[in-house]
N, C-alpha and C. Protein backbone atom coordinates (compact mmCIF):
# COMPACT_ATOMS: atom_id res chain seq x y z
N MET A 1 115.09 31.30 -38.34
CA MET A 1 114.65 30.53 -37.20
C MET A 1 115.01 31.30 -35.94
N LYS A 2 114.04 31.45 -35.06
CA LYS A 2 114.25 32.16 -33.80
C LYS A 2 114.24 31.13 -32.68
N ILE A 3 115.37 31.02 -31.96
CA ILE A 3 115.58 29.96 -30.98
C ILE A 3 115.58 30.54 -29.57
N LEU A 4 114.88 29.86 -28.66
CA LEU A 4 114.91 30.21 -27.24
C LEU A 4 115.58 29.07 -26.49
N VAL A 5 116.64 29.39 -25.75
CA VAL A 5 117.27 28.41 -24.88
C VAL A 5 116.66 28.63 -23.50
N TYR A 6 115.89 27.65 -23.06
CA TYR A 6 115.12 27.75 -21.83
C TYR A 6 115.97 27.26 -20.66
N GLY A 7 116.59 28.20 -19.98
CA GLY A 7 117.43 27.86 -18.83
C GLY A 7 118.87 28.27 -19.06
N ALA A 8 119.42 29.00 -18.11
CA ALA A 8 120.76 29.55 -18.24
C ALA A 8 121.73 28.87 -17.28
N GLY A 9 121.67 27.56 -17.24
CA GLY A 9 122.65 26.80 -16.47
C GLY A 9 123.88 26.56 -17.32
N VAL A 10 124.70 25.64 -16.92
CA VAL A 10 125.94 25.34 -17.64
C VAL A 10 125.64 24.92 -19.08
N LEU A 11 124.75 23.98 -19.25
CA LEU A 11 124.45 23.48 -20.60
C LEU A 11 123.74 24.52 -21.45
N GLY A 12 122.75 25.21 -20.86
CA GLY A 12 122.02 26.22 -21.61
C GLY A 12 122.90 27.37 -22.07
N CYS A 13 123.78 27.83 -21.20
CA CYS A 13 124.69 28.93 -21.57
C CYS A 13 125.65 28.51 -22.68
N ASN A 14 126.20 27.31 -22.59
CA ASN A 14 127.11 26.84 -23.63
C ASN A 14 126.37 26.65 -24.96
N LEU A 15 125.17 26.11 -24.91
CA LEU A 15 124.38 25.92 -26.12
C LEU A 15 124.05 27.27 -26.75
N ALA A 16 123.60 28.22 -25.95
CA ALA A 16 123.26 29.55 -26.46
C ALA A 16 124.47 30.23 -27.09
N ARG A 17 125.62 30.14 -26.43
CA ARG A 17 126.84 30.75 -26.97
C ARG A 17 127.22 30.12 -28.30
N ASN A 18 127.16 28.79 -28.38
CA ASN A 18 127.53 28.11 -29.62
C ASN A 18 126.57 28.44 -30.76
N LEU A 19 125.28 28.53 -30.46
CA LEU A 19 124.31 28.91 -31.49
C LEU A 19 124.54 30.35 -31.94
N LEU A 20 124.82 31.25 -31.01
CA LEU A 20 125.10 32.64 -31.35
C LEU A 20 126.34 32.74 -32.23
N ARG A 21 127.39 32.00 -31.89
CA ARG A 21 128.62 32.00 -32.70
C ARG A 21 128.38 31.44 -34.10
N ALA A 22 127.39 30.56 -34.22
CA ALA A 22 127.06 29.98 -35.53
C ALA A 22 126.15 30.90 -36.35
N GLY A 23 125.82 32.06 -35.79
CA GLY A 23 125.03 33.04 -36.53
C GLY A 23 123.53 32.88 -36.39
N LYS A 24 123.08 32.11 -35.43
CA LYS A 24 121.65 31.88 -35.23
C LYS A 24 121.04 33.00 -34.41
N ASP A 25 119.74 33.20 -34.57
CA ASP A 25 118.98 34.18 -33.79
C ASP A 25 118.55 33.48 -32.51
N VAL A 26 119.30 33.69 -31.43
CA VAL A 26 119.08 32.96 -30.19
C VAL A 26 118.86 33.94 -29.04
N THR A 27 117.95 33.55 -28.15
CA THR A 27 117.66 34.30 -26.93
C THR A 27 117.77 33.33 -25.76
N LEU A 28 118.28 33.82 -24.65
CA LEU A 28 118.48 32.99 -23.46
C LEU A 28 117.47 33.40 -22.39
N LEU A 29 116.80 32.42 -21.81
CA LEU A 29 115.87 32.67 -20.71
C LEU A 29 116.62 32.46 -19.39
N ALA A 30 116.78 33.52 -18.64
CA ALA A 30 117.49 33.46 -17.35
C ALA A 30 116.65 34.21 -16.33
N ARG A 31 116.95 34.00 -15.06
CA ARG A 31 116.18 34.64 -14.00
C ARG A 31 117.07 35.41 -13.03
N GLY A 32 116.45 36.36 -12.35
CA GLY A 32 117.07 37.04 -11.23
C GLY A 32 118.39 37.72 -11.50
N ASN A 33 119.30 37.56 -10.54
CA ASN A 33 120.61 38.21 -10.63
C ASN A 33 121.43 37.72 -11.81
N TRP A 34 121.25 36.47 -12.18
CA TRP A 34 122.02 35.92 -13.30
C TRP A 34 121.62 36.61 -14.60
N ALA A 35 120.33 36.86 -14.80
CA ALA A 35 119.87 37.58 -15.99
C ALA A 35 120.46 38.99 -16.02
N ALA A 36 120.44 39.66 -14.88
CA ALA A 36 121.00 41.02 -14.79
C ALA A 36 122.50 41.01 -15.08
N GLU A 37 123.20 40.01 -14.58
CA GLU A 37 124.65 39.88 -14.82
C GLU A 37 124.96 39.69 -16.31
N ILE A 38 124.20 38.85 -16.97
CA ILE A 38 124.42 38.60 -18.40
C ILE A 38 124.12 39.86 -19.20
N ARG A 39 123.06 40.56 -18.85
CA ARG A 39 122.74 41.80 -19.55
C ARG A 39 123.83 42.85 -19.35
N ARG A 40 124.32 42.95 -18.16
CA ARG A 40 125.32 43.98 -17.82
C ARG A 40 126.69 43.68 -18.41
N ASN A 41 127.17 42.45 -18.25
CA ASN A 41 128.55 42.11 -18.62
C ASN A 41 128.67 41.13 -19.78
N GLY A 42 127.56 40.69 -20.33
CA GLY A 42 127.60 39.68 -21.38
C GLY A 42 127.73 38.29 -20.77
N LEU A 43 127.51 37.31 -21.59
CA LEU A 43 127.65 35.91 -21.16
C LEU A 43 129.13 35.57 -21.17
N ARG A 44 129.70 35.36 -20.02
CA ARG A 44 131.13 35.11 -19.88
C ARG A 44 131.36 33.64 -19.54
N ILE A 45 132.08 32.96 -20.43
CA ILE A 45 132.36 31.54 -20.22
C ILE A 45 133.87 31.34 -20.27
N LYS A 46 134.40 30.76 -19.20
CA LYS A 46 135.84 30.53 -19.08
C LYS A 46 136.16 29.12 -19.57
N ASP A 47 137.12 29.02 -20.49
CA ASP A 47 137.57 27.74 -21.02
C ASP A 47 138.63 27.18 -20.08
N LYS A 48 138.38 26.01 -19.53
CA LYS A 48 139.31 25.47 -18.53
C LYS A 48 140.61 24.94 -19.14
N PHE A 49 140.64 24.74 -20.46
CA PHE A 49 141.86 24.25 -21.10
C PHE A 49 142.77 25.37 -21.58
N SER A 50 142.20 26.41 -22.15
CA SER A 50 143.03 27.50 -22.66
C SER A 50 143.09 28.68 -21.70
N PHE A 51 142.28 28.65 -20.64
CA PHE A 51 142.23 29.71 -19.64
C PHE A 51 141.81 31.06 -20.22
N CYS A 52 141.10 31.01 -21.35
CA CYS A 52 140.55 32.22 -21.95
C CYS A 52 139.08 32.36 -21.54
N THR A 53 138.60 33.57 -21.48
CA THR A 53 137.20 33.83 -21.19
C THR A 53 136.56 34.44 -22.41
N SER A 54 135.48 33.82 -22.89
CA SER A 54 134.76 34.39 -24.02
C SER A 54 133.60 35.21 -23.48
N VAL A 55 133.31 36.31 -24.16
CA VAL A 55 132.20 37.17 -23.79
C VAL A 55 131.28 37.28 -24.99
N SER A 56 130.02 36.91 -24.79
CA SER A 56 129.02 36.95 -25.85
C SER A 56 127.88 37.86 -25.42
N ARG A 57 127.53 38.79 -26.25
CA ARG A 57 126.40 39.68 -26.00
C ARG A 57 125.15 39.00 -26.56
N ILE A 58 124.47 38.29 -25.70
CA ILE A 58 123.32 37.49 -26.11
C ILE A 58 122.05 38.11 -25.52
N PRO A 59 120.98 38.18 -26.29
CA PRO A 59 119.72 38.70 -25.74
C PRO A 59 119.20 37.80 -24.62
N VAL A 60 118.69 38.42 -23.56
CA VAL A 60 118.19 37.69 -22.39
C VAL A 60 116.77 38.15 -22.09
N VAL A 61 115.92 37.19 -21.79
CA VAL A 61 114.58 37.49 -21.29
C VAL A 61 114.43 36.80 -19.93
N THR A 62 113.58 37.37 -19.08
CA THR A 62 113.36 36.78 -17.77
C THR A 62 112.03 36.04 -17.69
N GLU A 63 111.15 36.31 -18.65
CA GLU A 63 109.89 35.58 -18.73
C GLU A 63 109.40 35.63 -20.16
N LEU A 64 108.54 34.68 -20.50
CA LEU A 64 108.00 34.63 -21.85
C LEU A 64 106.74 35.47 -21.94
N ALA A 65 106.70 36.35 -22.90
CA ALA A 65 105.50 37.13 -23.16
C ALA A 65 104.48 36.23 -23.84
N PRO A 66 103.19 36.48 -23.63
CA PRO A 66 102.17 35.63 -24.25
C PRO A 66 102.25 35.58 -25.77
N ASP A 67 102.75 36.65 -26.38
CA ASP A 67 102.84 36.68 -27.84
C ASP A 67 104.24 36.37 -28.36
N ALA A 68 105.13 35.88 -27.50
CA ALA A 68 106.49 35.54 -27.92
C ALA A 68 106.46 34.37 -28.89
N MET A 69 107.18 34.50 -29.97
CA MET A 69 107.21 33.45 -31.00
C MET A 69 108.64 32.94 -31.17
N TYR A 70 108.84 31.69 -30.82
CA TYR A 70 110.13 31.03 -31.00
C TYR A 70 109.89 29.72 -31.74
N ASP A 71 110.89 29.28 -32.49
CA ASP A 71 110.77 28.00 -33.19
C ASP A 71 111.17 26.90 -32.26
């Protein structure tokens, strides 16, 4: 199953990270500087309880190609 998380806000980023950690084929749709930041440094999410930052190397697209196939 190929999953696209449409939107890289707080919820979308957490969902994409959790799906990636579960071994799913997931891609995140982000725009502008945020997409470039994720590509350059990975998706960085700081846990407010443990004060740890997780870094996930998740594929990012900035727009959907006409032939893109996601479930």
